[in-house]
Amino acid sequence: MMAGKKSDPQLPESLRALVKDTGRPVSTEDIDSYGRLREVQDRSHRVRAIVKAWKDQQTQDRQLREKYAY
């Protein structure tokens, strides 16, 4: 695509009335950024799951120790 030239999507006339805005074309940089974002979100989910499991384990251990000490 040339600099300064706006891309005009090739839509049939019957569909142009249904489409409000097509936006700019998706670039490879957009796809890479989306991939990195999904990777960070997936990693965050895994870390939160591990921390929650650890917290639950500590709570259960503490309760068991209290019962045993009583």
Foldseek 3Di string as FASTA:
>chain_A
DDPPDADDDDDPPVCPVVDDDDDHDDDPVNVVVVVVVVVVVVVVVVVVVVVVVVVVVVVVVVVVVVVVVD
